């Protein structure tokens, strides 16, 4: 739990919250996430919000909520501003989804 090597990369500890996606990959107790790994995952998750399966899209919103939960308190929002802007833009598009359930799920992520 915590940073294992002195590579200068931020590491965050998280506990499984039962969501799919990130938790399915890394869940099962206390795990470490390298910020760069999270940054590689979220663009793929955003793509899944365009899937034809509403069940998958809802699952992705849960996973994106987990994404925000596992970011460390000292996550440098200014340094990683481009990542956050891309993520928020990708989510904002889906606030106008024809399915109200998807709209509400996306809104929940943004809260």
N, C-alpha and C. Protein backbone atom coordinates (compact mmCIF):
# COMPACT_ATOMS: atom_id res chain seq x y z
N UNK A 1 0.84 -1.18 0.00
CA UNK A 1 0.00 0.00 0.00
C UNK A 1 0.88 1.23 0.00
N UNK A 2 0.73 2.04 -1.00
CA UNK A 2 1.57 3.21 -1.15
C UNK A 2 2.56 3.01 -2.27
N UNK A 3 3.45 3.96 -2.40
CA UNK A 3 4.42 3.92 -3.48
C UNK A 3 5.49 2.87 -3.19
N UNK A 4 5.77 2.04 -4.15
CA UNK A 4 6.73 0.95 -3.97
C UNK A 4 8.11 1.28 -4.54
N UNK A 5 8.18 2.13 -5.58
CA UNK A 5 9.46 2.49 -6.17
C UNK A 5 9.57 3.99 -6.24
N UNK A 6 10.75 4.46 -6.32
CA UNK A 6 10.95 5.91 -6.39
C UNK A 6 11.16 6.32 -7.85
N UNK A 7 10.12 6.16 -8.65
CA UNK A 7 10.21 6.50 -10.07
C UNK A 7 9.69 7.90 -10.33
N UNK A 8 9.18 8.57 -9.30
CA UNK A 8 8.64 9.90 -9.49
C UNK A 8 7.20 9.89 -9.97
N UNK A 9 6.64 8.70 -10.18
CA UNK A 9 5.24 8.62 -10.61
C UNK A 9 4.34 8.58 -9.40
N UNK A 10 3.19 9.27 -9.51
CA UNK A 10 2.24 9.24 -8.41
C UNK A 10 1.58 7.87 -8.35
N UNK A 11 1.32 7.41 -7.18
CA UNK A 11 0.65 6.13 -6.97
C UNK A 11 -0.52 6.39 -6.03
N UNK A 12 -1.62 5.69 -6.26
CA UNK A 12 -2.78 5.86 -5.39
C UNK A 12 -3.24 4.49 -4.92
N UNK A 13 -3.64 4.40 -3.69
CA UNK A 13 -4.19 3.17 -3.14
C UNK A 13 -5.70 3.26 -3.19
N UNK A 14 -6.33 2.12 -3.42
CA UNK A 14 -7.79 2.09 -3.46
C UNK A 14 -8.29 0.77 -2.91
N UNK A 15 -9.53 0.75 -2.54
CA UNK A 15 -10.18 -0.48 -2.13
C UNK A 15 -11.27 -0.77 -3.13
N UNK A 16 -11.56 -2.03 -3.30
CA UNK A 16 -12.61 -2.45 -4.22
C UNK A 16 -13.95 -1.91 -3.74
N UNK A 17 -14.71 -1.32 -4.66
CA UNK A 17 -16.03 -0.80 -4.30
C UNK A 17 -17.13 -1.58 -4.99
N UNK A 18 -16.78 -2.63 -5.71
CA UNK A 18 -17.80 -3.44 -6.34
C UNK A 18 -18.15 -3.01 -7.75
N UNK A 19 -17.65 -1.89 -8.24
CA UNK A 19 -17.94 -1.46 -9.60
C UNK A 19 -17.19 -2.34 -10.58
N UNK A 20 -17.69 -2.39 -11.80
CA UNK A 20 -16.98 -3.15 -12.83
C UNK A 20 -15.87 -2.30 -13.40
N UNK A 21 -15.27 -2.73 -14.44
CA UNK A 21 -14.22 -1.95 -15.09
C UNK A 21 -12.96 -1.91 -14.27
N UNK A 22 -12.62 -0.75 -13.73
CA UNK A 22 -11.40 -0.59 -12.96
C UNK A 22 -11.38 -1.59 -11.81
N UNK A 23 -12.50 -1.74 -11.12
CA UNK A 23 -12.52 -2.65 -9.98
C UNK A 23 -12.44 -4.10 -10.41
N UNK A 24 -13.01 -4.42 -11.57
CA UNK A 24 -12.91 -5.79 -12.06
C UNK A 24 -11.45 -6.11 -12.39
N UNK A 25 -10.74 -5.14 -12.88
CA UNK A 25 -9.34 -5.32 -13.24
C UNK A 25 -8.43 -5.31 -12.02
N UNK A 26 -8.68 -4.39 -11.08
CA UNK A 26 -7.76 -4.17 -9.98
C UNK A 26 -8.37 -4.42 -8.61
N UNK A 27 -9.64 -4.84 -8.53
CA UNK A 27 -10.31 -4.99 -7.25
C UNK A 27 -9.79 -6.16 -6.44
N UNK A 28 -10.44 -6.36 -5.33
CA UNK A 28 -10.04 -7.46 -4.47
C UNK A 28 -9.10 -7.03 -3.37
N UNK A 29 -9.44 -5.97 -2.68
CA UNK A 29 -8.59 -5.50 -1.60
C UNK A 29 -7.83 -4.26 -1.98
N UNK A 30 -6.79 -3.99 -1.23
CA UNK A 30 -6.01 -2.77 -1.43
C UNK A 30 -5.04 -2.98 -2.59
N UNK A 31 -5.08 -2.11 -3.58
CA UNK A 31 -4.21 -2.19 -4.75
C UNK A 31 -3.62 -0.83 -5.02
N UNK A 32 -2.60 -0.78 -5.82
CA UNK A 32 -1.97 0.48 -6.19
C UNK A 32 -2.21 0.75 -7.65
N UNK A 33 -2.50 1.97 -7.95
CA UNK A 33 -2.68 2.41 -9.32
C UNK A 33 -1.65 3.46 -9.64
N UNK A 34 -0.99 3.31 -10.73
CA UNK A 34 -0.11 4.35 -11.20
C UNK A 34 -0.97 5.30 -12.01
N UNK A 35 -0.85 6.58 -11.76
CA UNK A 35 -1.68 7.59 -12.41
C UNK A 35 -1.64 7.44 -13.93
N UNK A 36 -0.47 7.17 -14.47
CA UNK A 36 -0.36 7.04 -15.92
C UNK A 36 -1.22 5.89 -16.45
N UNK A 37 -1.36 4.83 -15.66
CA UNK A 37 -2.22 3.72 -16.06
C UNK A 37 -3.68 4.15 -16.10
N UNK A 38 -4.09 4.93 -15.12
CA UNK A 38 -5.47 5.43 -15.12
C UNK A 38 -5.70 6.33 -16.34
N UNK A 39 -4.68 7.12 -16.66
CA UNK A 39 -4.80 8.01 -17.82
C UNK A 39 -4.92 7.24 -19.12
N UNK A 40 -4.41 6.03 -19.16
CA UNK A 40 -4.54 5.19 -20.36
C UNK A 40 -5.92 4.55 -20.45
N UNK A 41 -6.55 4.34 -19.31
CA UNK A 41 -7.82 3.62 -19.25
C UNK A 41 -9.02 4.50 -19.61
N UNK A 42 -9.05 5.73 -19.12
CA UNK A 42 -10.28 6.52 -19.25
C UNK A 42 -10.68 6.81 -20.70
N UNK A 43 -9.76 7.01 -21.66
CA UNK A 43 -10.24 7.23 -23.04
C UNK A 43 -11.01 6.03 -23.58
N UNK A 44 -10.56 4.84 -23.20
CA UNK A 44 -11.27 3.63 -23.63
C UNK A 44 -12.65 3.55 -22.98
N UNK A 45 -12.73 3.97 -21.73
CA UNK A 45 -14.03 3.98 -21.05
C UNK A 45 -14.98 4.97 -21.72
N UNK A 46 -14.47 6.14 -22.06
CA UNK A 46 -15.32 7.13 -22.74
C UNK A 46 -15.86 6.59 -24.05
N UNK A 47 -15.06 5.84 -24.78
CA UNK A 47 -15.52 5.24 -26.04
C UNK A 47 -16.69 4.30 -25.79
N UNK A 48 -16.66 3.61 -24.66
CA UNK A 48 -17.74 2.65 -24.34
C UNK A 48 -19.06 3.35 -24.03
N UNK A 49 -19.02 4.63 -23.73
CA UNK A 49 -20.28 5.36 -23.51
C UNK A 49 -21.08 5.50 -24.80
N UNK A 50 -20.46 5.22 -25.94
CA UNK A 50 -21.15 5.25 -27.23
C UNK A 50 -21.68 3.88 -27.63
N UNK A 51 -21.50 2.89 -26.80
CA UNK A 51 -21.94 1.53 -27.10
C UNK A 51 -23.45 1.46 -27.22
N UNK A 52 -23.94 0.49 -27.96
CA UNK A 52 -25.40 0.34 -28.13
C UNK A 52 -26.06 -0.29 -26.90
N UNK A 53 -25.27 -0.90 -26.03
CA UNK A 53 -25.81 -1.54 -24.83
C UNK A 53 -25.89 -0.53 -23.69
N UNK A 54 -27.11 -0.22 -23.28
CA UNK A 54 -27.29 0.70 -22.15
C UNK A 54 -26.73 0.11 -20.86
N UNK A 55 -26.80 -1.21 -20.72
CA UNK A 55 -26.26 -1.86 -19.53
C UNK A 55 -24.75 -1.63 -19.44
N UNK A 56 -24.06 -1.75 -20.56
CA UNK A 56 -22.63 -1.49 -20.58
C UNK A 56 -22.34 -0.03 -20.29
N UNK A 57 -23.13 0.85 -20.86
CA UNK A 57 -22.92 2.29 -20.64
C UNK A 57 -23.11 2.66 -19.17
N UNK A 58 -24.09 2.09 -18.52
CA UNK A 58 -24.31 2.33 -17.09
C UNK A 58 -23.12 1.80 -16.30
N UNK A 59 -22.65 0.63 -16.67
CA UNK A 59 -21.49 0.04 -16.01
C UNK A 59 -20.26 0.95 -16.16
N UNK A 60 -20.10 1.54 -17.32
CA UNK A 60 -18.97 2.45 -17.56
C UNK A 60 -19.08 3.68 -16.65
N UNK A 61 -20.28 4.18 -16.45
CA UNK A 61 -20.42 5.35 -15.57
C UNK A 61 -20.02 4.99 -14.14
N UNK A 62 -20.34 3.78 -13.71
CA UNK A 62 -19.92 3.34 -12.37
C UNK A 62 -18.39 3.28 -12.30
N UNK A 63 -17.80 2.76 -13.36
CA UNK A 63 -16.35 2.65 -13.41
C UNK A 63 -15.70 4.03 -13.41
N UNK A 64 -16.27 4.96 -14.16
CA UNK A 64 -15.73 6.32 -14.18
C UNK A 64 -15.88 6.99 -12.81
N UNK A 65 -16.94 6.69 -12.10
CA UNK A 65 -17.08 7.20 -10.74
C UNK A 65 -15.95 6.66 -9.87
N UNK A 66 -15.63 5.40 -10.04
CA UNK A 66 -14.53 4.79 -9.31
C UNK A 66 -13.21 5.46 -9.69
N UNK A 67 -13.07 5.79 -10.96
CA UNK A 67 -11.87 6.50 -11.43
C UNK A 67 -11.63 7.73 -10.56
N UNK A 68 -12.69 8.51 -10.35
CA UNK A 68 -12.54 9.73 -9.55
C UNK A 68 -12.30 9.41 -8.07
N UNK A 69 -12.88 8.32 -7.60
CA UNK A 69 -12.69 7.94 -6.20
C UNK A 69 -11.25 7.53 -5.91
N UNK A 70 -10.57 6.94 -6.89
CA UNK A 70 -9.22 6.42 -6.63
C UNK A 70 -8.13 7.45 -6.87
N UNK A 71 -8.49 8.61 -7.40
CA UNK A 71 -7.47 9.65 -7.56
C UNK A 71 -7.02 10.12 -6.19
N UNK A 72 -5.73 10.25 -6.00
CA UNK A 72 -5.24 10.68 -4.68
C UNK A 72 -5.59 12.13 -4.41
N UNK A 73 -5.64 12.47 -3.14
CA UNK A 73 -5.93 13.86 -2.76
C UNK A 73 -4.91 14.82 -3.34
N UNK A 74 -3.68 14.37 -3.49
CA UNK A 74 -2.64 15.25 -4.02
C UNK A 74 -2.50 15.16 -5.54
N UNK A 75 -3.51 14.60 -6.22
CA UNK A 75 -3.51 14.55 -7.69
C UNK A 75 -3.37 15.97 -8.22
N UNK A 76 -2.37 16.21 -9.02
CA UNK A 76 -2.06 17.55 -9.51
C UNK A 76 -3.00 17.92 -10.66
N UNK A 77 -4.13 18.54 -10.31
CA UNK A 77 -5.15 18.88 -11.30
C UNK A 77 -4.66 19.87 -12.34
N UNK A 78 -3.75 20.74 -11.97
CA UNK A 78 -3.21 21.70 -12.93
C UNK A 78 -2.28 21.00 -13.92
N UNK A 79 -1.42 20.14 -13.42
CA UNK A 79 -0.47 19.42 -14.27
C UNK A 79 -1.20 18.49 -15.23
N UNK A 80 -2.26 17.83 -14.75
CA UNK A 80 -3.02 16.87 -15.56
C UNK A 80 -4.30 17.49 -16.13
N UNK A 81 -4.33 18.78 -16.26
CA UNK A 81 -5.50 19.52 -16.72
C UNK A 81 -6.05 18.99 -18.05
N UNK A 82 -5.19 18.69 -18.99
CA UNK A 82 -5.63 18.21 -20.30
C UNK A 82 -6.40 16.90 -20.17
N UNK A 83 -5.93 16.01 -19.29
CA UNK A 83 -6.64 14.74 -19.06
C UNK A 83 -8.04 15.00 -18.50
N UNK A 84 -8.11 15.87 -17.52
CA UNK A 84 -9.40 16.17 -16.91
C UNK A 84 -10.35 16.84 -17.88
N UNK A 85 -9.85 17.76 -18.69
CA UNK A 85 -10.70 18.44 -19.68
C UNK A 85 -11.24 17.44 -20.69
N UNK A 86 -10.40 16.54 -21.16
CA UNK A 86 -10.83 15.51 -22.12
C UNK A 86 -11.91 14.63 -21.50
N UNK A 87 -11.69 14.25 -20.27
CA UNK A 87 -12.64 13.40 -19.57
C UNK A 87 -13.98 14.11 -19.37
N UNK A 88 -13.93 15.35 -18.90
CA UNK A 88 -15.18 16.09 -18.68
C UNK A 88 -15.92 16.36 -19.98
N UNK A 89 -15.20 16.72 -21.03
CA UNK A 89 -15.85 16.94 -22.33
C UNK A 89 -16.55 15.67 -22.81
N UNK A 90 -15.86 14.55 -22.65
CA UNK A 90 -16.45 13.27 -23.06
C UNK A 90 -17.70 12.94 -22.28
N UNK A 91 -17.72 13.29 -21.02
CA UNK A 91 -18.90 13.04 -20.19
C UNK A 91 -20.03 14.02 -20.50
N UNK A 92 -19.69 15.29 -20.69
CA UNK A 92 -20.71 16.31 -20.93
C UNK A 92 -21.55 16.01 -22.16
N UNK A 93 -20.96 15.44 -23.19
CA UNK A 93 -21.69 15.07 -24.40
C UNK A 93 -22.86 14.16 -24.07
N UNK A 94 -22.67 13.30 -23.09
CA UNK A 94 -23.68 12.30 -22.75
C UNK A 94 -24.75 12.81 -21.79
N UNK A 95 -24.62 14.05 -21.35
CA UNK A 95 -25.70 14.64 -20.57
C UNK A 95 -26.92 14.90 -21.44
N UNK A 96 -26.70 14.90 -22.75
CA UNK A 96 -27.77 15.13 -23.72
C UNK A 96 -28.21 13.81 -24.36
N UNK A 97 -27.90 12.69 -23.73
CA UNK A 97 -28.26 11.37 -24.26
C UNK A 97 -29.77 11.23 -24.34
N UNK A 98 -30.28 10.56 -25.36
CA UNK A 98 -31.74 10.35 -25.46
C UNK A 98 -32.32 9.54 -24.29
N UNK A 99 -31.50 8.71 -23.67
CA UNK A 99 -31.95 7.88 -22.55
C UNK A 99 -31.71 8.63 -21.24
N UNK A 100 -32.78 8.91 -20.52
CA UNK A 100 -32.67 9.66 -19.28
C UNK A 100 -31.84 8.92 -18.22
N UNK A 101 -31.89 7.61 -18.24
CA UNK A 101 -31.10 6.83 -17.28
C UNK A 101 -29.61 7.09 -17.50
N UNK A 102 -29.20 7.17 -18.75
CA UNK A 102 -27.79 7.45 -19.06
C UNK A 102 -27.46 8.87 -18.63
N UNK A 103 -28.35 9.81 -18.92
CA UNK A 103 -28.13 11.20 -18.49
C UNK A 103 -27.89 11.27 -16.98
N UNK A 104 -28.73 10.60 -16.22
CA UNK A 104 -28.62 10.62 -14.77
C UNK A 104 -27.34 9.95 -14.29
N UNK A 105 -26.97 8.85 -14.94
CA UNK A 105 -25.74 8.15 -14.56
C UNK A 105 -24.51 9.02 -14.83
N UNK A 106 -24.50 9.70 -15.98
CA UNK A 106 -23.40 10.59 -16.31
C UNK A 106 -23.36 11.77 -15.34
N UNK A 107 -24.52 12.31 -15.04
CA UNK A 107 -24.58 13.41 -14.07
C UNK A 107 -24.01 12.98 -12.72
N UNK A 108 -24.30 11.74 -12.33
CA UNK A 108 -23.78 11.20 -11.09
C UNK A 108 -22.25 11.15 -11.09
N UNK A 109 -21.66 10.84 -12.22
CA UNK A 109 -20.20 10.82 -12.33
C UNK A 109 -19.66 12.23 -12.16
N UNK A 110 -20.32 13.20 -12.75
CA UNK A 110 -19.84 14.58 -12.73
C UNK A 110 -20.00 15.25 -11.36
N UNK A 111 -20.88 14.70 -10.53
CA UNK A 111 -21.08 15.29 -9.21
C UNK A 111 -19.88 15.04 -8.42
